[in-house]
Each structure stands twice: as C-alpha cells, then as structure tokens.
Amino acid sequence: MLCREDAELWHESRKNWAKEYDTLSVTEGITELGDGYIEFFSHIDCLILSRTVESVAASPELLKLWRKRKVLLRGEYDTFAERFAGENGLTFLHSDIHLADNDIENAHEHDIITLRFHENGSSDIHYNCFTPGSSAGSYGGGEYINPLPRDFYVGCTIEDFANIFNERVRGQILSNETLQRFLEISNERLDRDKKKN
C-alpha cells in the first residue's frame, strides 16, 4: 500500500516537484493507494494502474476536479482501474502493452517493442531502437511506428499476433499474459455486443 508519506521525497528540495509530472504510473505489486497519496498528484492528466491495484482512496473533490479536467485512467480490461473509471465518470483506455525486447547482436541493437493504444481509438506497434553511436558513450537509434487497423484484434489469437513478428521475439509474444488477456477479453466483448444487437 502507498500512503501520503510515500509521496514525499526527503532529498527533493523543491516543494512542487510532483507538479512537473503529468502522468502517474502505479506498477505491478502495489495493491492500494491509501488516504492522501493520490491527492498529492491531483494535477496529473493520466493515471495508469497495474492490474494488482485493488483500491484507490480519492476524495469527491478530487474526482470532481479530474472529471472537469478530463483525466484519463489507464489499465487492463476487467480490473479495478476500469471499474474505478466507470464508477467515477472518468475516461478509460487500455494501457500500452510491452510486447518484447529484441536484441540484434550483429548490429549491436536493442529494440523495445510496445503495443500502444491512443485516445482516438487507433493503435500501433512502437519500436524504440537503441544502437551504439559514433563516439564512446554515445547512443544512437531511433523510433518507428507500424499503425494497426482499428479492429486488429477481431478474431486474432496470440499465435496470429505473434506471426507478424520475427522469430527472435515470437516466444516472448506467445508467453505475454497481458497481450493474451487483452485479445481474449476484447473478442469476448465483441461477441457479447454482437449478441445484444
């Protein structure tokens, strides 16, 4: 559990250091945000909750402020994050999914591959590439993005999804539990919606 005291940094001399950040990401393993913790970050635009978070203590005043400012809540489907957003009139968006790390040894390259979701409904695969630079201690690299169709998940299994990547990362993608849950829940919801109509 995180409490108000956990938001205080004894080595930080600036009073308003927290206001320099617009996103708060609560990592795996944290189960609760206790009284006063989230109030310390009242100015944020986006709150990302891992699937282990089961409760957040937030005052009615803070929630009203967040609704007015259209704060975005992110997390996985069918978790506390999604319920908390729905119960408090906040916009919810599935959190990005780290897919794999790709080490290309002959090029001395390390790629971080992420499935990203955007507020406008689009999705893409983001590659953040790190390579040695031309001088000692310097790193080059870059980023590139492969846009996905809006309905890329429809009927897509984790095996289908893994097939669009090279063999070096296929195993990581096939064992990605977050991706597996996303694909299964997205398709279950789609089937439910079709049956309703």
Protein backbone atom coordinates (compact mmCIF):
# COMPACT_ATOMS: atom_id res chain seq x y z
CA MET A 1 0.00 0.00 0.00
CA LEU A 2 1.13 3.54 -0.77
CA CYS A 3 0.21 6.35 1.64
CA ARG A 4 0.70 10.13 1.71
CA GLU A 5 4.15 9.83 3.28
CA ASP A 6 5.32 7.68 0.35
CA ALA A 7 4.87 10.67 -1.96
CA GLU A 8 7.34 12.77 0.00
CA LEU A 9 10.95 12.74 -1.14
CA TRP A 10 13.32 13.78 1.61
CA HIS A 11 16.13 14.54 -0.83
CA GLU A 12 13.93 16.71 -3.07
CA SER A 13 14.41 20.37 -2.21
CA ARG A 14 11.71 21.79 -4.50
CA LYS A 15 8.29 21.99 -2.86
CA ASN A 16 6.26 21.39 -6.00
CA TRP A 17 8.39 18.71 -7.67
CA ALA A 18 5.36 16.47 -8.26
CA LYS A 19 3.73 19.11 -10.48
CA GLU A 20 6.46 18.58 -13.05
CA TYR A 21 4.83 15.27 -14.00
CA ASP A 22 1.58 14.81 -15.90
CA THR A 23 1.34 11.00 -15.63
CA LEU A 24 1.41 8.72 -12.61
CA SER A 25 2.02 5.03 -13.26
CA VAL A 26 1.43 2.61 -10.38
CA THR A 27 3.46 -0.52 -11.01
CA GLU A 28 2.76 -4.21 -10.54
CA GLY A 29 2.75 -5.31 -6.92
CA ILE A 30 1.10 -2.21 -5.44
CA THR A 31 -2.38 -3.16 -4.22
CA GLU A 32 -3.72 0.04 -2.70
CA LEU A 33 -3.36 3.82 -2.85
CA GLY A 34 -4.26 4.94 0.65
CA ASP A 35 -5.57 8.22 2.04
CA GLY A 36 -3.74 11.27 0.77
CA TYR A 37 -1.46 9.57 -1.74
CA ILE A 38 -3.40 10.35 -4.90
CA GLU A 39 -4.25 13.85 -3.63
CA PHE A 40 -0.53 14.63 -3.78
CA PHE A 41 -0.74 14.12 -7.56
CA SER A 42 -4.04 15.95 -8.07
CA HIS A 43 -2.69 17.85 -11.11
CA ILE A 44 -1.96 14.79 -13.30
CA ASP A 45 -3.60 14.24 -16.71
CA CYS A 46 -3.26 10.46 -16.72
CA LEU A 47 -3.29 7.76 -14.04
CA ILE A 48 -2.08 4.27 -15.01
CA LEU A 49 -2.96 1.47 -12.59
CA SER A 50 -1.43 -2.00 -12.80
CA ARG A 51 -3.72 -4.99 -12.52
CA THR A 52 -2.66 -5.58 -8.90
CA VAL A 53 -4.23 -2.32 -7.68
CA GLU A 54 -7.49 -3.10 -5.87
CA SER A 55 -8.40 0.24 -4.26
CA VAL A 56 -7.73 3.96 -4.52
CA ALA A 57 -8.71 6.44 -1.80
CA ALA A 58 -9.80 9.59 -3.63
CA SER A 59 -11.88 12.43 -2.25
CA PRO A 60 -15.11 13.51 -4.00
CA GLU A 61 -13.46 16.91 -4.58
CA LEU A 62 -10.51 15.33 -6.38
CA LEU A 63 -12.76 13.16 -8.54
CA LYS A 64 -14.85 16.20 -9.45
CA LEU A 65 -11.67 18.07 -10.43
CA TRP A 66 -10.48 15.12 -12.50
CA ARG A 67 -13.81 14.86 -14.34
CA LYS A 68 -13.65 18.58 -15.11
CA ARG A 69 -10.06 18.27 -16.35
CA LYS A 70 -10.85 15.03 -18.25
CA VAL A 71 -8.14 12.99 -16.55
CA LEU A 72 -7.52 9.72 -18.37
CA LEU A 73 -7.43 6.47 -16.41
CA ARG A 74 -5.50 3.57 -17.92
CA GLY A 75 -5.14 -0.09 -17.02
CA GLU A 76 -6.20 -3.53 -18.21
CA TYR A 77 -9.74 -4.55 -19.03
CA ASP A 78 -11.76 -6.21 -16.26
CA THR A 79 -9.62 -4.77 -13.47
CA PHE A 80 -10.14 -2.25 -10.69
CA ALA A 81 -8.80 0.50 -12.99
CA GLU A 82 -11.66 0.07 -15.46
CA ARG A 83 -14.29 -0.19 -12.71
CA PHE A 84 -12.90 2.86 -10.90
CA ALA A 85 -13.05 4.90 -14.12
CA GLY A 86 -16.64 3.81 -14.83
CA GLU A 87 -17.88 4.42 -11.30
CA ASN A 88 -16.37 7.92 -11.22
CA GLY A 89 -17.18 9.18 -14.71
CA LEU A 90 -13.56 9.12 -15.93
CA THR A 91 -12.43 8.13 -19.41
CA PHE A 92 -10.76 4.71 -19.52
CA LEU A 93 -8.21 3.48 -22.05
CA HIS A 94 -6.40 0.15 -22.03
CA SER A 95 -2.77 0.62 -21.02
CA ASP A 96 0.02 0.06 -23.52
CA ILE A 97 1.41 -3.48 -23.60
CA HIS A 98 5.14 -4.16 -23.60
CA LEU A 99 5.45 -6.95 -26.16
CA ALA A 100 9.11 -7.85 -26.35
CA ASP A 101 12.76 -6.82 -26.27
CA ASN A 102 14.63 -7.64 -29.45
CA ASP A 103 18.42 -7.87 -29.31
CA ILE A 104 20.04 -7.81 -32.73
CA GLU A 105 23.59 -8.75 -31.80
CA ASN A 106 25.30 -8.32 -35.18
CA ALA A 107 24.03 -4.71 -35.31
CA HIS A 108 24.54 -4.13 -31.56
CA GLU A 109 20.92 -3.04 -31.45
CA HIS A 110 18.33 -3.35 -28.69
CA ASP A 111 14.66 -2.74 -29.61
CA ILE A 112 11.80 -2.30 -27.15
CA ILE A 113 8.52 -3.25 -28.82
CA THR A 114 5.22 -1.93 -27.44
CA LEU A 115 1.58 -2.23 -28.48
CA ARG A 116 0.17 1.25 -27.94
CA PHE A 117 -3.45 2.42 -27.66
CA HIS A 118 -4.46 6.02 -28.36
CA GLU A 119 -7.44 8.07 -27.19
CA ASN A 120 -8.70 8.50 -30.75
CA GLY A 121 -9.22 4.72 -31.00
CA SER A 122 -6.14 3.97 -33.06
CA SER A 123 -3.40 1.50 -32.16
CA ASP A 124 0.14 0.93 -33.30
CA ILE A 125 3.27 -1.06 -32.66
CA HIS A 126 6.05 1.19 -31.44
CA TYR A 127 9.71 0.24 -31.85
CA ASN A 128 12.20 2.12 -29.67
CA CYS A 129 15.63 1.21 -31.06
CA PHE A 130 18.93 1.71 -29.27
CA THR A 131 22.26 1.37 -31.10
CA PRO A 132 25.82 2.45 -30.33
CA GLY A 133 26.62 5.95 -31.50
CA SER A 134 29.67 7.11 -33.39
CA SER A 135 31.60 8.06 -30.25
CA ALA A 136 32.28 6.30 -26.97
CA GLY A 137 29.41 6.55 -24.53
CA SER A 138 27.06 7.89 -27.20
CA TYR A 139 23.90 6.09 -28.20
CA GLY A 140 22.11 6.43 -31.47
CA GLY A 141 18.98 4.66 -32.55
CA GLY A 142 15.51 5.93 -33.18
CA GLU A 143 11.84 5.13 -33.14
CA TYR A 144 9.44 3.86 -35.72
CA ILE A 145 5.77 3.04 -35.68
CA ASN A 146 3.65 0.48 -37.51
CA PRO A 147 -0.01 1.57 -37.45
CA LEU A 148 -2.58 -1.18 -36.90
CA PRO A 149 -6.13 -1.40 -38.22
CA ARG A 150 -8.68 -0.26 -35.62
CA ASP A 151 -10.12 -3.77 -35.44
CA PHE A 152 -6.78 -5.64 -35.49
CA TYR A 153 -7.82 -7.79 -32.50
CA VAL A 154 -11.04 -9.14 -34.08
CA GLY A 155 -10.71 -12.92 -34.25
CA CYS A 156 -6.98 -12.57 -33.57
CA THR A 157 -5.33 -15.20 -31.38
CA ILE A 158 -1.99 -14.68 -29.69
CA GLU A 159 -0.48 -17.05 -32.28
CA ASP A 160 -1.87 -14.90 -35.12
CA PHE A 161 -0.45 -11.80 -33.49
CA ALA A 162 2.97 -13.39 -32.91
CA ASN A 163 3.15 -14.35 -36.59
CA ILE A 164 3.57 -10.71 -37.65
CA PHE A 165 6.94 -10.55 -35.82
CA ASN A 166 10.29 -12.16 -36.49
CA GLU A 167 11.31 -15.42 -34.87
CA ARG A 168 13.62 -13.71 -32.34
CA VAL A 169 10.67 -12.25 -30.41
CA ARG A 170 7.97 -14.81 -31.18
CA GLY A 171 8.47 -16.71 -27.91
CA GLN A 172 8.20 -13.54 -25.83
CA ILE A 173 4.96 -12.59 -27.53
CA LEU A 174 3.45 -16.06 -27.20
CA SER A 175 4.15 -16.01 -23.46
CA ASN A 176 2.85 -12.45 -22.94
CA GLU A 177 -0.03 -12.86 -20.47
CA THR A 178 -1.13 -9.23 -20.73
CA LEU A 179 -1.49 -9.50 -24.50
CA GLN A 180 -3.30 -12.83 -24.14
CA ARG A 181 -5.82 -11.28 -21.71
CA PHE A 182 -6.31 -8.26 -23.97
CA LEU A 183 -7.06 -10.37 -27.05
CA GLU A 184 -9.39 -12.74 -25.20
CA ILE A 185 -11.37 -10.03 -23.39
CA SER A 186 -11.61 -7.80 -26.48
CA ASN A 187 -13.06 -10.65 -28.53
CA GLU A 188 -15.40 -11.73 -25.71
CA ARG A 189 -16.75 -8.17 -25.51
CA LEU A 190 -17.16 -8.02 -29.26
CA ASP A 191 -19.14 -11.28 -29.24
CA ARG A 192 -21.31 -10.01 -26.36
CA ASP A 193 -22.04 -6.78 -28.23
CA LYS A 194 -22.99 -8.70 -31.38
CA LYS A 195 -25.42 -10.87 -29.42
CA LYS A 196 -27.06 -7.79 -27.92
CA ASN A 197 -27.70 -6.31 -31.38
